[in-house]
Amino acid sequence: MLITVDPSSAQPLADQVADSVRVALAGGMVGPGDRLPSARTVAAALDINLHTVLRGYQQLREEGLVELRRGRAAVITGQADGLRLRLAAAAEEFAKAARQAGASTEEALAAAREALTR
């Protein structure tokens, strides 16, 4: 299934739903115009609350990645750019690593600039 969750994770399930779709977009598994499974289908398949799935879909709508059509479907928008999503995911991983290493914002940005100029 396109959307997966880990109930033992500290990350909220709705965030995991949204992240699963972002990963699928970044990896080219889905693209503009594709329909996501209905929230009811996802909730039943993953044994989670329907409103949890809807919160995840709402996050994606707020980011401009999906268009929600009430009672019909969630459709990937044309704004769902795979490159932008891959860069955002890489930046998030970099930020997490920088925080864990104890780097300041300035140190992290300097390291990123240096890596980009190589």
C-alpha atoms as a PDB file:
ATOM      1  CA  MET A   1       0.000   0.000   0.000  1.00  0.00           C
ATOM      2  CA  LEU A   2       1.114   3.533  -0.763  1.00  0.00           C
ATOM      3  CA  ILE A   3       0.493   4.768   2.788  1.00  0.00           C
ATOM      4  CA  THR A   4       2.049   3.111   5.805  1.00  0.00           C
ATOM      5  CA  VAL A   5       2.253   3.927   9.501  1.00  0.00           C
ATOM      6  CA  ASP A   6       4.205   2.627  12.465  1.00  0.00           C
ATOM      7  CA  PRO A   7       1.943   2.632  15.545  1.00  0.00           C
ATOM      8  CA  SER A   8       4.984   2.292  17.826  1.00  0.00           C
ATOM      9  CA  SER A   9       6.570   5.507  16.483  1.00  0.00           C
ATOM     10  CA  ALA A  10       6.479   8.684  18.541  1.00  0.00           C
ATOM     11  CA  GLN A  11       5.476  10.560  15.377  1.00  0.00           C
ATOM     12  CA  PRO A  12       1.712  11.207  15.227  1.00  0.00           C
ATOM     13  CA  LEU A  13      -0.149   8.890  12.856  1.00  0.00           C
ATOM     14  CA  ALA A  14      -1.557  11.787  10.791  1.00  0.00           C
ATOM     15  CA  ASP A  15       1.999  13.046  10.215  1.00  0.00           C
ATOM     16  CA  GLN A  16       3.028   9.535   9.153  1.00  0.00           C
ATOM     17  CA  VAL A  17       0.155   9.409   6.661  1.00  0.00           C
ATOM     18  CA  ALA A  18       1.255  12.734   5.145  1.00  0.00           C
ATOM     19  CA  ASP A  19       4.922  11.676   5.149  1.00  0.00           C
ATOM     20  CA  SER A  20       4.080   8.449   3.311  1.00  0.00           C
ATOM     21  CA  VAL A  21       2.497  10.455   0.514  1.00  0.00           C
ATOM     22  CA  ARG A  22       5.431  12.895   0.423  1.00  0.00           C
ATOM     23  CA  VAL A  23       7.868   9.982   0.124  1.00  0.00           C
ATOM     24  CA  ALA A  24       5.788   8.463  -2.687  1.00  0.00           C
ATOM     25  CA  LEU A  25       5.788  11.821  -4.493  1.00  0.00           C
ATOM     26  CA  ALA A  26       9.524  12.316  -4.048  1.00  0.00           C
ATOM     27  CA  GLY A  27      10.177   8.781  -5.274  1.00  0.00           C
ATOM     28  CA  GLY A  28       7.985   9.163  -8.336  1.00  0.00           C
ATOM     29  CA  MET A  29       5.518   6.478  -7.220  1.00  0.00           C
ATOM     30  CA  VAL A  30       2.683   8.998  -7.642  1.00  0.00           C
ATOM     31  CA  GLY A  31       2.505  12.239  -9.559  1.00  0.00           C
ATOM     32  CA  PRO A  32       0.237  15.097 -10.560  1.00  0.00           C
ATOM     33  CA  GLY A  33      -3.270  13.938 -11.404  1.00  0.00           C
ATOM     34  CA  ASP A  34      -3.010  10.663  -9.498  1.00  0.00           C
ATOM     35  CA  ARG A  35      -5.713   9.892  -6.962  1.00  0.00           C
ATOM     36  CA  LEU A  36      -4.874   8.877  -3.430  1.00  0.00           C
ATOM     37  CA  PRO A  37      -6.818   6.038  -1.857  1.00  0.00           C
ATOM     38  CA  SER A  38      -9.947   7.221  -0.081  1.00  0.00           C
ATOM     39  CA  ALA A  39      -9.510   8.087   3.571  1.00  0.00           C
ATOM     40  CA  ARG A  40     -11.954   5.303   4.457  1.00  0.00           C
ATOM     41  CA  THR A  41      -9.896   2.764   2.519  1.00  0.00           C
ATOM     42  CA  VAL A  42      -6.653   3.865   4.176  1.00  0.00           C
ATOM     43  CA  ALA A  43      -8.214   3.907   7.644  1.00  0.00           C
ATOM     44  CA  ALA A  44      -9.629   0.415   7.194  1.00  0.00           C
ATOM     45  CA  ALA A  45      -6.415  -1.008   5.715  1.00  0.00           C
ATOM     46  CA  LEU A  46      -4.201   0.469   8.444  1.00  0.00           C
ATOM     47  CA  ASP A  47      -6.715   0.018  11.258  1.00  0.00           C
ATOM     48  CA  ILE A  48      -6.568   3.689  12.230  1.00  0.00           C
ATOM     49  CA  ASN A  49      -9.233   6.337  12.701  1.00  0.00           C
ATOM     50  CA  LEU A  50     -10.739   7.926   9.583  1.00  0.00           C
ATOM     51  CA  HIS A  51     -10.167  11.407  11.047  1.00  0.00           C
ATOM     52  CA  THR A  52      -6.466  10.633  11.492  1.00  0.00           C
ATOM     53  CA  VAL A  53      -6.163   9.944   7.766  1.00  0.00           C
ATOM     54  CA  LEU A  54      -8.162  13.072   6.973  1.00  0.00           C
ATOM     55  CA  ARG A  55      -5.780  15.152   9.148  1.00  0.00           C
ATOM     56  CA  GLY A  56      -2.847  13.763   7.174  1.00  0.00           C
ATOM     57  CA  TYR A  57      -4.579  14.565   3.887  1.00  0.00           C
ATOM     58  CA  GLN A  58      -5.393  18.050   5.213  1.00  0.00           C
ATOM     59  CA  GLN A  59      -1.675  18.671   5.894  1.00  0.00           C
ATOM     60  CA  LEU A  60      -0.949  17.797   2.277  1.00  0.00           C
ATOM     61  CA  ARG A  61      -3.727  20.115   1.093  1.00  0.00           C
ATOM     62  CA  GLU A  62      -2.316  22.979   3.154  1.00  0.00           C
ATOM     63  CA  GLU A  63       1.076  22.383   1.528  1.00  0.00           C
ATOM     64  CA  GLY A  64      -0.546  22.528  -1.912  1.00  0.00           C
ATOM     65  CA  LEU A  65       0.328  18.909  -2.683  1.00  0.00           C
ATOM     66  CA  VAL A  66      -3.206  17.528  -2.940  1.00  0.00           C
ATOM     67  CA  GLU A  67      -6.618  18.841  -3.823  1.00  0.00           C
ATOM     68  CA  LEU A  68      -9.381  17.445  -1.677  1.00  0.00           C
ATOM     69  CA  ARG A  69     -12.679  16.910  -3.433  1.00  0.00           C
ATOM     70  CA  ARG A  70     -15.324  16.414  -0.802  1.00  0.00           C
ATOM     71  CA  GLY A  71     -16.926  13.017  -1.054  1.00  0.00           C
ATOM     72  CA  ARG A  72     -14.869  12.086  -4.094  1.00  0.00           C
ATOM     73  CA  ALA A  73     -11.115  11.952  -3.896  1.00  0.00           C
ATOM     74  CA  ALA A  74      -7.784  13.424  -2.947  1.00  0.00           C
ATOM     75  CA  VAL A  75      -5.845  14.202  -6.118  1.00  0.00           C
ATOM     76  CA  ILE A  76      -2.154  15.067  -6.413  1.00  0.00           C
ATOM     77  CA  THR A  77      -1.816  18.647  -7.692  1.00  0.00           C
ATOM     78  CA  GLY A  78       0.495  19.987 -10.364  1.00  0.00           C
ATOM     79  CA  GLN A  79       2.446  21.755  -7.620  1.00  0.00           C
ATOM     80  CA  ALA A  80       3.704  18.408  -6.329  1.00  0.00           C
ATOM     81  CA  ASP A  81       7.232  18.775  -7.664  1.00  0.00           C
ATOM     82  CA  GLY A  82       9.396  15.715  -6.988  1.00  0.00           C
ATOM     83  CA  LEU A  83      12.641  17.701  -6.917  1.00  0.00           C
ATOM     84  CA  ARG A  84      11.258  20.172  -4.373  1.00  0.00           C
ATOM     85  CA  LEU A  85      10.042  17.316  -2.199  1.00  0.00           C
ATOM     86  CA  ARG A  86      13.369  15.465  -2.374  1.00  0.00           C
ATOM     87  CA  LEU A  87      15.212  18.652  -1.428  1.00  0.00           C
ATOM     88  CA  ALA A  88      12.830  19.310   1.459  1.00  0.00           C
ATOM     89  CA  ALA A  89      13.293  15.752   2.738  1.00  0.00           C
ATOM     90  CA  ALA A  90      17.080  16.021   2.462  1.00  0.00           C
ATOM     91  CA  ALA A  91      17.028  19.398   4.221  1.00  0.00           C
ATOM     92  CA  GLU A  92      14.927  17.945   7.038  1.00  0.00           C
ATOM     93  CA  GLU A  93      17.410  15.087   7.488  1.00  0.00           C
ATOM     94  CA  PHE A  94      20.303  17.554   7.437  1.00  0.00           C
ATOM     95  CA  ALA A  95      18.597  19.765  10.041  1.00  0.00           C
ATOM     96  CA  LYS A  96      17.960  16.760  12.269  1.00  0.00           C
ATOM     97  CA  ALA A  97      21.600  15.666  12.006  1.00  0.00           C
ATOM     98  CA  ALA A  98      22.826  19.202  12.709  1.00  0.00           C
ATOM     99  CA  ARG A  99      20.634  19.467  15.826  1.00  0.00           C
ATOM    100  CA  GLN A 100      21.791  16.066  17.069  1.00  0.00           C
ATOM    101  CA  ALA A 101      25.411  17.112  16.551  1.00  0.00           C
ATOM    102  CA  GLY A 102      24.805  20.286  18.542  1.00  0.00           C
ATOM    103  CA  ALA A 103      25.580  22.616  15.651  1.00  0.00           C
ATOM    104  CA  SER A 104      24.250  26.153  15.757  1.00  0.00           C
ATOM    105  CA  THR A 105      22.082  27.434  12.924  1.00  0.00           C
ATOM    106  CA  GLU A 106      25.011  29.469  11.617  1.00  0.00           C
ATOM    107  CA  GLU A 107      27.345  26.462  11.690  1.00  0.00           C
ATOM    108  CA  ALA A 108      24.797  24.274   9.903  1.00  0.00           C
ATOM    109  CA  LEU A 109      24.140  26.892   7.216  1.00  0.00           C
ATOM    110  CA  ALA A 110      27.874  27.408   6.695  1.00  0.00           C
ATOM    111  CA  ALA A 111      28.344  23.653   6.235  1.00  0.00           C
ATOM    112  CA  ALA A 112      25.454  23.525   3.739  1.00  0.00           C
ATOM    113  CA  ARG A 113      26.843  26.484   1.763  1.00  0.00           C
ATOM    114  CA  GLU A 114      30.274  24.879   1.665  1.00  0.00           C
ATOM    115  CA  ALA A 115      28.843  21.573   0.430  1.00  0.00           C
ATOM    116  CA  LEU A 116      26.813  23.342  -2.274  1.00  0.00           C
ATOM    117  CA  THR A 117      29.852  25.224  -3.612  1.00  0.00           C
ATOM    118  CA  ARG A 118      32.015  22.127  -4.022  1.00  0.00           C
END
